[in-house]
Amino acid sequence: MSAHARREAQALGHDPAPDLAPRPGPVGFADAMSLARRAVALYTELRVDAVANCEMVDGAWRVSVDVVEAPARMGDNDLIAAYDVTLSPEGDVTKFTRTGRYHRNDAARAGR
């Protein structure tokens, strides 16, 4: 997490997790997924449902993370929001984008 993002989180009353602190050297696959999950949870204050994708693109990690944006009142048709998080090779968040929303049942039918 960059110093700017850390200050923003503190200003909002969040205690940035030490796990989001920059690490010496490049992060690996598992660390990229973990850092992205934590960043999405911190920035959205929503429960992470799953990591849908993680890949290295042009020297940066791109991780797609799904969160439960609105739990279903009955059954399992939660409203899910999908986020793309781009991390520098050192694990700093460089881009954070909500890419879509869908109902869990719609995703199951679409094979997501």
PDB file of N, CA and C in Angstrom:
ATOM      1  N   MET A   1       0.853  -1.165   0.000  1.00  0.00           N
ATOM      2  CA  MET A   1       0.000   0.000   0.000  1.00  0.00           C
ATOM      3  C   MET A   1       0.895   1.223   0.000  1.00  0.00           C
ATOM      4  N   SER A   2       0.582   2.153  -0.846  1.00  0.00           N
ATOM      5  CA  SER A   2       1.385   3.371  -0.930  1.00  0.00           C
ATOM      6  C   SER A   2       1.161   4.230   0.311  1.00  0.00           C
ATOM      7  N   ALA A   3       2.073   5.162   0.529  1.00  0.00           N
ATOM      8  CA  ALA A   3       1.949   6.062   1.676  1.00  0.00           C
ATOM      9  C   ALA A   3       0.664   6.885   1.569  1.00  0.00           C
ATOM     10  N   HIS A   4       0.321   7.301   0.349  1.00  0.00           N
ATOM     11  CA  HIS A   4      -0.906   8.080   0.136  1.00  0.00           C
ATOM     12  C   HIS A   4      -2.139   7.252   0.512  1.00  0.00           C
ATOM     13  N   ALA A   5      -2.200   6.018   0.042  1.00  0.00           N
ATOM     14  CA  ALA A   5      -3.339   5.152   0.350  1.00  0.00           C
ATOM     15  C   ALA A   5      -3.414   4.874   1.849  1.00  0.00           C
ATOM     16  N   ARG A   6      -2.258   4.721   2.489  1.00  0.00           N
ATOM     17  CA  ARG A   6      -2.226   4.487   3.932  1.00  0.00           C
ATOM     18  C   ARG A   6      -2.813   5.702   4.673  1.00  0.00           C
ATOM     19  N   ARG A   7      -2.427   6.917   4.251  1.00  0.00           N
ATOM     20  CA  ARG A   7      -2.958   8.131   4.877  1.00  0.00           C
ATOM     21  C   ARG A   7      -4.470   8.241   4.651  1.00  0.00           C
ATOM     22  N   GLU A   8      -4.923   7.902   3.441  1.00  0.00           N
ATOM     23  CA  GLU A   8      -6.360   7.935   3.152  1.00  0.00           C
ATOM     24  C   GLU A   8      -7.111   6.978   4.059  1.00  0.00           C
ATOM     25  N   ALA A   9      -6.592   5.769   4.198  1.00  0.00           N
ATOM     26  CA  ALA A   9      -7.238   4.768   5.041  1.00  0.00           C
ATOM     27  C   ALA A   9      -7.289   5.240   6.490  1.00  0.00           C
ATOM     28  N   GLN A  10      -6.203   5.820   6.967  1.00  0.00           N
ATOM     29  CA  GLN A  10      -6.178   6.317   8.337  1.00  0.00           C
ATOM     30  C   GLN A  10      -7.156   7.474   8.507  1.00  0.00           C
ATOM     31  N   ALA A  11      -7.278   8.337   7.502  1.00  0.00           N
ATOM     32  CA  ALA A  11      -8.210   9.461   7.573  1.00  0.00           C
ATOM     33  C   ALA A  11      -9.654   8.973   7.650  1.00  0.00           C
ATOM     34  N   LEU A  12      -9.929   7.828   7.037  1.00  0.00           N
ATOM     35  CA  LEU A  12     -11.272   7.257   7.071  1.00  0.00           C
ATOM     36  C   LEU A  12     -11.508   6.435   8.329  1.00  0.00           C
ATOM     37  N   GLY A  13     -10.495   6.381   9.194  1.00  0.00           N
ATOM     38  CA  GLY A  13     -10.638   5.628  10.436  1.00  0.00           C
ATOM     39  C   GLY A  13     -10.283   4.166  10.310  1.00  0.00           C
ATOM     40  N   HIS A  14      -9.650   3.784   9.221  1.00  0.00           N
ATOM     41  CA  HIS A  14      -9.235   2.398   9.029  1.00  0.00           C
ATOM     42  C   HIS A  14      -7.790   2.255   9.458  1.00  0.00           C
ATOM     43  N   ASP A  15      -7.480   1.133  10.029  1.00  0.00           N
ATOM     44  CA  ASP A  15      -6.095   0.843  10.374  1.00  0.00           C
ATOM     45  C   ASP A  15      -5.557  -0.042   9.265  1.00  0.00           C
ATOM     46  N   PRO A  16      -4.741   0.492   8.358  1.00  0.00           N
ATOM     47  CA  PRO A  16      -4.256  -0.331   7.259  1.00  0.00           C
ATOM     48  C   PRO A  16      -3.516  -1.547   7.787  1.00  0.00           C
ATOM     49  N   ALA A  17      -3.903  -2.681   7.271  1.00  0.00           N
ATOM     50  CA  ALA A  17      -3.277  -3.927   7.718  1.00  0.00           C
ATOM     51  C   ALA A  17      -1.797  -3.925   7.395  1.00  0.00           C
ATOM     52  N   PRO A  18      -0.974  -4.383   8.343  1.00  0.00           N
ATOM     53  CA  PRO A  18       0.451  -4.436   8.050  1.00  0.00           C
ATOM     54  C   PRO A  18       0.747  -5.322   6.847  1.00  0.00           C
ATOM     55  N   ASP A  19      -0.180  -6.251   6.539  1.00  0.00           N
ATOM     56  CA  ASP A  19       0.028  -7.142   5.399  1.00  0.00           C
ATOM     57  C   ASP A  19       0.025  -6.377   4.082  1.00  0.00           C
ATOM     58  N   LEU A  20      -0.517  -5.148   4.066  1.00  0.00           N
ATOM     59  CA  LEU A  20      -0.548  -4.372   2.836  1.00  0.00           C
ATOM     60  C   LEU A  20       0.684  -3.496   2.678  1.00  0.00           C
ATOM     61  N   ALA A  21       1.559  -3.526   3.650  1.00  0.00           N
ATOM     62  CA  ALA A  21       2.783  -2.731   3.568  1.00  0.00           C
ATOM     63  C   ALA A  21       3.646  -3.237   2.419  1.00  0.00           C
ATOM     64  N   PRO A  22       4.324  -2.324   1.722  1.00  0.00           N
ATOM     65  CA  PRO A  22       5.194  -2.763   0.632  1.00  0.00           C
ATOM     66  C   PRO A  22       6.235  -3.756   1.133  1.00  0.00           C
ATOM     67  N   ARG A  23       6.538  -4.714   0.300  1.00  0.00           N
ATOM     68  CA  ARG A  23       7.514  -5.743   0.645  1.00  0.00           C
ATOM     69  C   ARG A  23       8.774  -5.507  -0.169  1.00  0.00           C
ATOM     70  N   PRO A  24       9.898  -5.898   0.385  1.00  0.00           N
ATOM     71  CA  PRO A  24      11.125  -5.755  -0.406  1.00  0.00           C
ATOM     72  C   PRO A  24      11.111  -6.732  -1.578  1.00  0.00           C
ATOM     73  N   GLY A  25      11.371  -6.230  -2.753  1.00  0.00           N
ATOM     74  CA  GLY A  25      11.422  -7.091  -3.936  1.00  0.00           C
ATOM     75  C   GLY A  25      10.046  -7.420  -4.470  1.00  0.00           C
ATOM     76  N   PRO A  26      10.008  -8.145  -5.574  1.00  0.00           N
ATOM     77  CA  PRO A  26       8.730  -8.475  -6.210  1.00  0.00           C
ATOM     78  C   PRO A  26       7.929  -9.494  -5.399  1.00  0.00           C
ATOM     79  N   VAL A  27       6.603  -9.378  -5.490  1.00  0.00           N
ATOM     80  CA  VAL A  27       5.728 -10.335  -4.818  1.00  0.00           C
ATOM     81  C   VAL A  27       5.390 -11.457  -5.791  1.00  0.00           C
ATOM     82  N   GLY A  28       5.087 -12.614  -5.253  1.00  0.00           N
ATOM     83  CA  GLY A  28       4.719 -13.768  -6.062  1.00  0.00           C
ATOM     84  C   GLY A  28       3.211 -13.876  -6.235  1.00  0.00           C
ATOM     85  N   PHE A  29       2.803 -14.946  -6.879  1.00  0.00           N
ATOM     86  CA  PHE A  29       1.402 -15.197  -7.214  1.00  0.00           C
ATOM     87  C   PHE A  29       0.507 -15.197  -5.972  1.00  0.00           C
ATOM     88  N   ALA A  30       0.846 -16.003  -4.975  1.00  0.00           N
ATOM     89  CA  ALA A  30       0.013 -16.121  -3.774  1.00  0.00           C
ATOM     90  C   ALA A  30      -0.064 -14.794  -3.024  1.00  0.00           C
ATOM     91  N   ASP A  31       1.062 -14.089  -2.924  1.00  0.00           N
ATOM     92  CA  ASP A  31       1.057 -12.791  -2.248  1.00  0.00           C
ATOM     93  C   ASP A  31       0.216 -11.777  -3.011  1.00  0.00           C
ATOM     94  N   ALA A  32       0.270 -11.800  -4.337  1.00  0.00           N
ATOM     95  CA  ALA A  32      -0.532 -10.871  -5.141  1.00  0.00           C
ATOM     96  C   ALA A  32      -2.023 -11.093  -4.882  1.00  0.00           C
ATOM     97  N   MET A  33      -2.447 -12.353  -4.838  1.00  0.00           N
ATOM     98  CA  MET A  33      -3.855 -12.642  -4.560  1.00  0.00           C
ATOM     99  C   MET A  33      -4.240 -12.163  -3.164  1.00  0.00           C
ATOM    100  N   SER A  34      -3.400 -12.441  -2.199  1.00  0.00           N
ATOM    101  CA  SER A  34      -3.680 -12.050  -0.821  1.00  0.00           C
ATOM    102  C   SER A  34      -3.739 -10.529  -0.661  1.00  0.00           C
ATOM    103  N   LEU A  35      -2.786  -9.831  -1.257  1.00  0.00           N
ATOM    104  CA  LEU A  35      -2.771  -8.368  -1.180  1.00  0.00           C
ATOM    105  C   LEU A  35      -4.003  -7.762  -1.848  1.00  0.00           C
ATOM    106  N   ALA A  36      -4.403  -8.309  -2.992  1.00  0.00           N
ATOM    107  CA  ALA A  36      -5.584  -7.796  -3.691  1.00  0.00           C
ATOM    108  C   ALA A  36      -6.848  -8.025  -2.868  1.00  0.00           C
ATOM    109  N   ARG A  37      -6.978  -9.208  -2.272  1.00  0.00           N
ATOM    110  CA  ARG A  37      -8.140  -9.497  -1.411  1.00  0.00           C
ATOM    111  C   ARG A  37      -8.223  -8.490  -0.276  1.00  0.00           C
ATOM    112  N   ARG A  38      -7.097  -8.258   0.364  1.00  0.00           N
ATOM    113  CA  ARG A  38      -7.073  -7.342   1.510  1.00  0.00           C
ATOM    114  C   ARG A  38      -7.374  -5.905   1.070  1.00  0.00           C
ATOM    115  N   ALA A  39      -6.844  -5.513  -0.077  1.00  0.00           N
ATOM    116  CA  ALA A  39      -7.090  -4.153  -0.572  1.00  0.00           C
ATOM    117  C   ALA A  39      -8.574  -3.947  -0.870  1.00  0.00           C
ATOM    118  N   VAL A  40      -9.197  -4.914  -1.537  1.00  0.00           N
ATOM    119  CA  VAL A  40     -10.620  -4.788  -1.861  1.00  0.00           C
ATOM    120  C   VAL A  40     -11.445  -4.723  -0.578  1.00  0.00           C
ATOM    121  N   ALA A  41     -11.145  -5.579   0.378  1.00  0.00           N
ATOM    122  CA  ALA A  41     -11.877  -5.565   1.647  1.00  0.00           C
ATOM    123  C   ALA A  41     -11.705  -4.223   2.358  1.00  0.00           C
ATOM    124  N   LEU A  42     -10.499  -3.681   2.334  1.00  0.00           N
ATOM    125  CA  LEU A  42     -10.225  -2.407   2.997  1.00  0.00           C
ATOM    126  C   LEU A  42     -10.926  -1.249   2.296  1.00  0.00           C
ATOM    127  N   TYR A  43     -10.810  -1.180   0.982  1.00  0.00           N
ATOM    128  CA  TYR A  43     -11.346  -0.041   0.233  1.00  0.00           C
ATOM    129  C   TYR A  43     -12.867  -0.049   0.133  1.00  0.00           C
ATOM    130  N   THR A  44     -13.468  -1.242   0.079  1.00  0.00           N
ATOM    131  CA  THR A  44     -14.922  -1.321  -0.095  1.00  0.00           C
ATOM    132  C   THR A  44     -15.667  -1.561   1.211  1.00  0.00           C
ATOM    133  N   GLU A  45     -14.975  -2.065   2.212  1.00  0.00           N
ATOM    134  CA  GLU A  45     -15.584  -2.471   3.478  1.00  0.00           C
ATOM    135  C   GLU A  45     -16.636  -3.559   3.262  1.00  0.00           C
ATOM    136  N   LEU A  46     -16.438  -4.368   2.230  1.00  0.00           N
ATOM    137  CA  LEU A  46     -17.342  -5.471   1.922  1.00  0.00           C
ATOM    138  C   LEU A  46     -16.611  -6.799   2.090  1.00  0.00           C
ATOM    139  N   ARG A  47     -17.407  -7.869   2.253  1.00  0.00           N
ATOM    140  CA  ARG A  47     -16.839  -9.203   2.426  1.00  0.00           C
ATOM    141  C   ARG A  47     -16.394  -9.755   1.074  1.00  0.00           C
ATOM    142  N   VAL A  48     -15.141 -10.180   1.011  1.00  0.00           N
ATOM    143  CA  VAL A  48     -14.624 -10.780  -0.223  1.00  0.00           C
ATOM    144  C   VAL A  48     -15.230 -12.167  -0.380  1.00  0.00           C
ATOM    145  N   ASP A  49     -15.749 -12.430  -1.573  1.00  0.00           N
ATOM    146  CA  ASP A  49     -16.349 -13.723  -1.876  1.00  0.00           C
ATOM    147  C   ASP A  49     -15.329 -14.662  -2.505  1.00  0.00           C
ATOM    148  N   ALA A  50     -14.556 -14.151  -3.468  1.00  0.00           N
ATOM    149  CA  ALA A  50     -13.607 -15.023  -4.168  1.00  0.00           C
ATOM    150  C   ALA A  50     -12.630 -14.204  -4.998  1.00  0.00           C
ATOM    151  N   VAL A  51     -11.496 -14.817  -5.282  1.00  0.00           N
ATOM    152  CA  VAL A  51     -10.578 -14.285  -6.290  1.00  0.00           C
ATOM    153  C   VAL A  51     -10.913 -15.028  -7.570  1.00  0.00           C
ATOM    154  N   ALA A  52     -11.343 -14.293  -8.594  1.00  0.00           N
ATOM    155  CA  ALA A  52     -11.781 -14.912  -9.840  1.00  0.00           C
ATOM    156  C   ALA A  52     -10.644 -15.100 -10.836  1.00  0.00           C
ATOM    157  N   ASN A  53      -9.595 -14.268 -10.729  1.00  0.00           N
ATOM    158  CA  ASN A  53      -8.505 -14.336 -11.698  1.00  0.00           C
ATOM    159  C   ASN A  53      -7.277 -13.650 -11.114  1.00  0.00           C
ATOM    160  N   CYS A  54      -6.111 -14.164 -11.457  1.00  0.00           N
ATOM    161  CA  CYS A  54      -4.854 -13.531 -11.059  1.00  0.00           C
ATOM    162  C   CYS A  54      -3.835 -13.832 -12.142  1.00  0.00           C
ATOM    163  N   GLU A  55      -3.264 -12.767 -12.712  1.00  0.00           N
ATOM    164  CA  GLU A  55      -2.279 -12.971 -13.766  1.00  0.00           C
ATOM    165  C   GLU A  55      -1.300 -11.804 -13.813  1.00  0.00           C
ATOM    166  N   MET A  56      -0.117 -12.079 -14.332  1.00  0.00           N
ATOM    167  CA  MET A  56       0.898 -11.049 -14.541  1.00  0.00           C
ATOM    168  C   MET A  56       0.703 -10.514 -15.955  1.00  0.00           C
ATOM    169  N   VAL A  57       0.481  -9.194 -16.069  1.00  0.00           N
ATOM    170  CA  VAL A  57       0.268  -8.547 -17.359  1.00  0.00           C
ATOM    171  C   VAL A  57       1.224  -7.366 -17.459  1.00  0.00           C
ATOM    172  N   ASP A  58       2.101  -7.402 -18.438  1.00  0.00           N
ATOM    173  CA  ASP A  58       3.053  -6.308 -18.666  1.00  0.00           C
ATOM    174  C   ASP A  58       3.812  -5.914 -17.400  1.00  0.00           C
ATOM    175  N   GLY A  59       4.233  -6.903 -16.631  1.00  0.00           N
ATOM    176  CA  GLY A  59       5.049  -6.651 -15.445  1.00  0.00           C
ATOM    177  C   GLY A  59       4.285  -6.276 -14.194  1.00  0.00           C
ATOM    178  N   ALA A  60       2.952  -6.252 -14.258  1.00  0.00           N
ATOM    179  CA  ALA A  60       2.141  -5.923 -13.079  1.00  0.00           C
ATOM    180  C   ALA A  60       1.133  -7.049 -12.840  1.00  0.00           C
ATOM    181  N   TRP A  61       0.758  -7.225 -11.585  1.00  0.00           N
ATOM    182  CA  TRP A  61      -0.255  -8.220 -11.256  1.00  0.00           C
ATOM    183  C   TRP A  61      -1.638  -7.627 -11.482  1.00  0.00           C
ATOM    184  N   ARG A  62      -2.502  -8.376 -12.170  1.00  0.00           N
ATOM    185  CA  ARG A  62      -3.904  -7.986 -12.333  1.00  0.00           C
ATOM    186  C   ARG A  62      -4.750  -9.066 -11.683  1.00  0.00           C
ATOM    187  N   VAL A  63      -5.506  -8.673 -10.681  1.00  0.00           N
ATOM    188  CA  VAL A  63      -6.281  -9.628  -9.891  1.00  0.00           C
ATOM    189  C   VAL A  63      -7.747  -9.207  -9.917  1.00  0.00           C
ATOM    190  N   SER A  64      -8.627 -10.146 -10.229  1.00  0.00           N
ATOM    191  CA  SER A  64     -10.070  -9.895 -10.216  1.00  0.00           C
ATOM    192  C   SER A  64     -10.643 -10.488  -8.935  1.00  0.00           C
ATOM    193  N   VAL A  65     -11.333  -9.657  -8.173  1.00  0.00           N
ATOM    194  CA  VAL A  65     -11.861 -10.061  -6.872  1.00  0.00           C
ATOM    195  C   VAL A  65     -13.359  -9.782  -6.843  1.00  0.00           C
ATOM    196  N   ASP A  66     -14.133 -10.757  -6.363  1.00  0.00           N
ATOM    197  CA  ASP A  66     -15.576 -10.604  -6.217  1.00  0.00           C
ATOM    198  C   ASP A  66     -15.917 -10.373  -4.748  1.00  0.00           C
ATOM    199  N   VAL A  67     -16.849  -9.452  -4.499  1.00  0.00           N
ATOM    200  CA  VAL A  67     -17.326  -9.195  -3.142  1.00  0.00           C
ATOM    201  C   VAL A  67     -18.846  -9.292  -3.124  1.00  0.00           C
ATOM    202  N   VAL A  68     -19.390  -9.595  -1.955  1.00  0.00           N
ATOM    203  CA  VAL A  68     -20.839  -9.593  -1.785  1.00  0.00           C
ATOM    204  C   VAL A  68     -21.247  -8.155  -1.497  1.00  0.00           C
ATOM    205  N   GLU A  69     -21.885  -7.529  -2.489  1.00  0.00           N
ATOM    206  CA  GLU A  69     -22.287  -6.131  -2.335  1.00  0.00           C
ATOM    207  C   GLU A  69     -23.608  -6.014  -1.583  1.00  0.00           C
ATOM    208  N   ALA A  70     -24.513  -6.952  -1.831  1.00  0.00           N
ATOM    209  CA  ALA A  70     -25.799  -6.966  -1.128  1.00  0.00           C
ATOM    210  C   ALA A  70     -26.227  -8.419  -0.952  1.00  0.00           C
ATOM    211  N   PRO A  71     -26.221  -8.895   0.293  1.00  0.00           N
ATOM    212  CA  PRO A  71     -26.647 -10.279   0.524  1.00  0.00           C
ATOM    213  C   PRO A  71     -28.117 -10.458   0.140  1.00  0.00           C
ATOM    214  N   ALA A  72     -28.429 -11.636  -0.365  1.00  0.00           N
ATOM    215  CA  ALA A  72     -29.811 -11.944  -0.730  1.00  0.00           C
ATOM    216  C   ALA A  72     -30.670 -12.007   0.528  1.00  0.00           C
ATOM    217  N   ARG A  73     -31.908 -11.590   0.385  1.00  0.00           N
ATOM    218  CA  ARG A  73     -32.820 -11.674   1.535  1.00  0.00           C
ATOM    219  C   ARG A  73     -33.275 -13.108   1.752  1.00  0.00           C
ATOM    220  N   MET A  74     -33.420 -13.810   0.654  1.00  0.00           N
ATOM    221  CA  MET A  74     -33.813 -15.220   0.738  1.00  0.00           C
ATOM    222  C   MET A  74     -33.011 -15.976  -0.309  1.00  0.00           C
ATOM    223  N   GLY A  75     -32.603 -17.160   0.020  1.00  0.00           N
ATOM    224  CA  GLY A  75     -31.869 -17.970  -0.944  1.00  0.00           C
ATOM    225  C   GLY A  75     -30.430 -17.535  -1.095  1.00  0.00           C
ATOM    226  N   ASP A  76     -29.877 -17.842  -2.253  1.00  0.00           N
ATOM    227  CA  ASP A  76     -28.444 -17.593  -2.468  1.00  0.00           C
ATOM    228  C   ASP A  76     -28.195 -16.678  -3.664  1.00  0.00           C
ATOM    229  N   ASN A  77     -29.119 -15.747  -3.926  1.00  0.00           N
ATOM    230  CA  ASN A  77     -28.962 -14.865  -5.077  1.00  0.00           C
ATOM    231  C   ASN A  77     -28.372 -13.512  -4.666  1.00  0.00           C
ATOM    232  N   ASP A  78     -27.193 -13.557  -3.999  1.00  0.00           N
ATOM    233  CA  ASP A  78     -26.508 -12.338  -3.572  1.00  0.00           C
ATOM    234  C   ASP A  78     -26.174 -11.462  -4.773  1.00  0.00           C
ATOM    235  N   LEU A  79     -26.081 -10.154  -4.532  1.00  0.00           N
ATOM    236  CA  LEU A  79     -25.574  -9.232  -5.545  1.00  0.00           C
ATOM    237  C   LEU A  79     -24.061  -9.160  -5.365  1.00  0.00           C
ATOM    238  N   ILE A  80     -23.339  -9.530  -6.399  1.00  0.00           N
ATOM    239  CA  ILE A  80     -21.879  -9.601  -6.367  1.00  0.00           C
ATOM    240  C   ILE A  80     -21.314  -8.441  -7.184  1.00  0.00           C
ATOM    241  N   ALA A  81     -20.272  -7.815  -6.669  1.00  0.00           N
ATOM    242  CA  ALA A  81     -19.544  -6.787  -7.416  1.00  0.00           C
ATOM    243  C   ALA A  81     -18.162  -7.342  -7.739  1.00  0.00           C
ATOM    244  N   ALA A  82     -17.726  -7.108  -8.963  1.00  0.00           N
ATOM    245  CA  ALA A  82     -16.412  -7.578  -9.410  1.00  0.00           C
ATOM    246  C   ALA A  82     -15.461  -6.386  -9.483  1.00  0.00           C
ATOM    247  N   TYR A  83     -14.270  -6.564  -8.940  1.00  0.00           N
ATOM    248  CA  TYR A  83     -13.246  -5.514  -8.944  1.00  0.00           C
ATOM    249  C   TYR A  83     -11.976  -6.040  -9.580  1.00  0.00           C
ATOM    250  N   ASP A  84     -11.316  -5.199 -10.354  1.00  0.00           N
ATOM    251  CA  ASP A  84      -9.974  -5.488 -10.861  1.00  0.00           C
ATOM    252  C   ASP A  84      -8.997  -4.640 -10.067  1.00  0.00           C
ATOM    253  N   VAL A  85      -7.975  -5.288  -9.549  1.00  0.00           N
ATOM    254  CA  VAL A  85      -6.924  -4.610  -8.797  1.00  0.00           C
ATOM    255  C   VAL A  85      -5.621  -4.845  -9.542  1.00  0.00           C
ATOM    256  N   THR A  86      -4.906  -3.776  -9.833  1.00  0.00           N
ATOM    257  CA  THR A  86      -3.585  -3.894 -10.446  1.00  0.00           C
ATOM    258  C   THR A  86      -2.556  -3.557  -9.385  1.00  0.00           C
ATOM    259  N   LEU A  87      -1.570  -4.438  -9.258  1.00  0.00           N
ATOM    260  CA  LEU A  87      -0.505  -4.272  -8.271  1.00  0.00           C
ATOM    261  C   LEU A  87       0.826  -4.120  -8.981  1.00  0.00           C
ATOM    262  N   SER A  88       1.662  -3.247  -8.452  1.00  0.00           N
ATOM    263  CA  SER A  88       3.031  -3.141  -8.961  1.00  0.00           C
ATOM    264  C   SER A  88       3.763  -4.439  -8.611  1.00  0.00           C
ATOM    265  N   PRO A  89       4.913  -4.693  -9.226  1.00  0.00           N
ATOM    266  CA  PRO A  89       5.667  -5.902  -8.882  1.00  0.00           C
ATOM    267  C   PRO A  89       6.003  -5.980  -7.391  1.00  0.00           C
ATOM    268  N   GLU A  90       6.057  -4.828  -6.708  1.00  0.00           N
ATOM    269  CA  GLU A  90       6.364  -4.803  -5.279  1.00  0.00           C
ATOM    270  C   GLU A  90       5.119  -4.950  -4.406  1.00  0.00           C
ATOM    271  N   GLY A  91       3.932  -4.966  -5.021  1.00  0.00           N
ATOM    272  CA  GLY A  91       2.705  -5.182  -4.271  1.00  0.00           C
ATOM    273  C   GLY A  91       1.899  -3.947  -3.948  1.00  0.00           C
ATOM    274  N   ASP A  92       2.278  -2.781  -4.482  1.00  0.00           N
ATOM    275  CA  ASP A  92       1.489  -1.562  -4.270  1.00  0.00           C
ATOM    276  C   ASP A  92       0.290  -1.548  -5.214  1.00  0.00           C
ATOM    277  N   VAL A  93      -0.856  -1.115  -4.721  1.00  0.00           N
ATOM    278  CA  VAL A  93      -2.043  -0.974  -5.561  1.00  0.00           C
ATOM    279  C   VAL A  93      -1.834   0.224  -6.482  1.00  0.00           C
ATOM    280  N   THR A  94      -1.905  -0.030  -7.795  1.00  0.00           N
ATOM    281  CA  THR A  94      -1.732   1.049  -8.768  1.00  0.00           C
ATOM    282  C   THR A  94      -3.029   1.368  -9.507  1.00  0.00           C
ATOM    283  N   LYS A  95      -3.998   0.449  -9.447  1.00  0.00           N
ATOM    284  CA  LYS A  95      -5.289   0.686 -10.094  1.00  0.00           C
ATOM    285  C   LYS A  95      -6.335  -0.150  -9.377  1.00  0.00           C
ATOM    286  N   PHE A  96      -7.520   0.436  -9.221  1.00  0.00           N
ATOM    287  CA  PHE A  96      -8.611  -0.218  -8.512  1.00  0.00           C
ATOM    288  C   PHE A  96      -9.898   0.154  -9.234  1.00  0.00           C
ATOM    289  N   THR A  97     -10.582  -0.825  -9.833  1.00  0.00           N
ATOM    290  CA  THR A  97     -11.746  -0.541 -10.662  1.00  0.00           C
ATOM    291  C   THR A  97     -12.863  -1.542 -10.400  1.00  0.00           C
ATOM    292  N   ARG A  98     -14.090  -1.039 -10.199  1.00  0.00           N
ATOM    293  CA  ARG A  98     -15.232  -1.957 -10.173  1.00  0.00           C
ATOM    294  C   ARG A  98     -15.609  -2.207 -11.616  1.00  0.00           C
ATOM    295  N   THR A  99     -15.607  -3.465 -12.008  1.00  0.00           N
ATOM    296  CA  THR A  99     -15.830  -3.813 -13.412  1.00  0.00           C
ATOM    297  C   THR A  99     -17.247  -4.280 -13.698  1.00  0.00           C
ATOM    298  N   GLY A 100     -18.016  -4.575 -12.661  1.00  0.00           N
ATOM    299  CA  GLY A 100     -19.381  -4.999 -12.917  1.00  0.00           C
ATOM    300  C   GLY A 100     -20.086  -5.481 -11.672  1.00  0.00           C
ATOM    301  N   ARG A 101     -21.386  -5.702 -11.851  1.00  0.00           N
ATOM    302  CA  ARG A 101     -22.233  -6.249 -10.793  1.00  0.00           C
ATOM    303  C   ARG A 101     -23.114  -7.311 -11.423  1.00  0.00           C
ATOM    304  N   TYR A 102     -23.398  -8.350 -10.663  1.00  0.00           N
ATOM    305  CA  TYR A 102     -24.262  -9.415 -11.161  1.00  0.00           C
ATOM    306  C   TYR A 102     -24.843 -10.172  -9.978  1.00  0.00           C
ATOM    307  N   HIS A 103     -25.927 -10.887 -10.228  1.00  0.00           N
ATOM    308  CA  HIS A 103     -26.491 -11.755  -9.200  1.00  0.00           C
ATOM    309  C   HIS A 103     -25.804 -13.112  -9.281  1.00  0.00           C
ATOM    310  N   ARG A 104     -25.602 -13.707  -8.138  1.00  0.00           N
ATOM    311  CA  ARG A 104     -24.891 -14.984  -8.071  1.00  0.00           C
ATOM    312  C   ARG A 104     -25.516 -16.024  -9.002  1.00  0.00           C
ATOM    313  N   ASN A 105     -26.832 -16.090  -9.043  1.00  0.00           N
ATOM    314  CA  ASN A 105     -27.491 -17.067  -9.918  1.00  0.00           C
ATOM    315  C   ASN A 105     -27.190 -16.801 -11.387  1.00  0.00           C
ATOM    316  N   ASP A 106     -27.087 -15.534 -11.777  1.00  0.00           N
ATOM    317  CA  ASP A 106     -26.752 -15.201 -13.162  1.00  0.00           C
ATOM    318  C   ASP A 106     -25.348 -15.676 -13.497  1.00  0.00           C
ATOM    319  N   ALA A 107     -24.439 -15.547 -12.561  1.00  0.00           N
ATOM    320  CA  ALA A 107     -23.057 -15.977 -12.782  1.00  0.00           C
ATOM    321  C   ALA A 107     -22.984 -17.485 -12.934  1.00  0.00           C
ATOM    322  N   ALA A 108     -23.764 -18.210 -12.150  1.00  0.00           N
ATOM    323  CA  ALA A 108     -23.754 -19.671 -12.232  1.00  0.00           C
ATOM    324  C   ALA A 108     -24.239 -20.129 -13.604  1.00  0.00           C
ATOM    325  N   ARG A 109     -25.256 -19.456 -14.128  1.00  0.00           N
ATOM    326  CA  ARG A 109     -25.770 -19.811 -15.450  1.00  0.00           C
ATOM    327  C   ARG A 109     -24.787 -19.456 -16.554  1.00  0.00           C
ATOM    328  N   ALA A 110     -24.032 -18.372 -16.353  1.00  0.00           N
ATOM    329  CA  ALA A 110     -23.071 -17.924 -17.371  1.00  0.00           C
ATOM    330  C   ALA A 110     -21.745 -18.668 -17.276  1.00  0.00           C
ATOM    331  N   GLY A 111     -21.584 -19.481 -16.228  1.00  0.00           N
ATOM    332  CA  GLY A 111     -20.346 -20.249 -16.088  1.00  0.00           C
ATOM    333  C   GLY A 111     -19.192 -19.457 -15.511  1.00  0.00           C
ATOM    334  N   ARG A 112     -19.488 -18.374 -14.831  1.00  0.00           N
ATOM    335  CA  ARG A 112     -18.424 -17.556 -14.230  1.00  0.00           C
ATOM    336  C   ARG A 112     -17.841 -18.256 -13.042  1.00  0.00           C
TER     337      ARG A 112
END
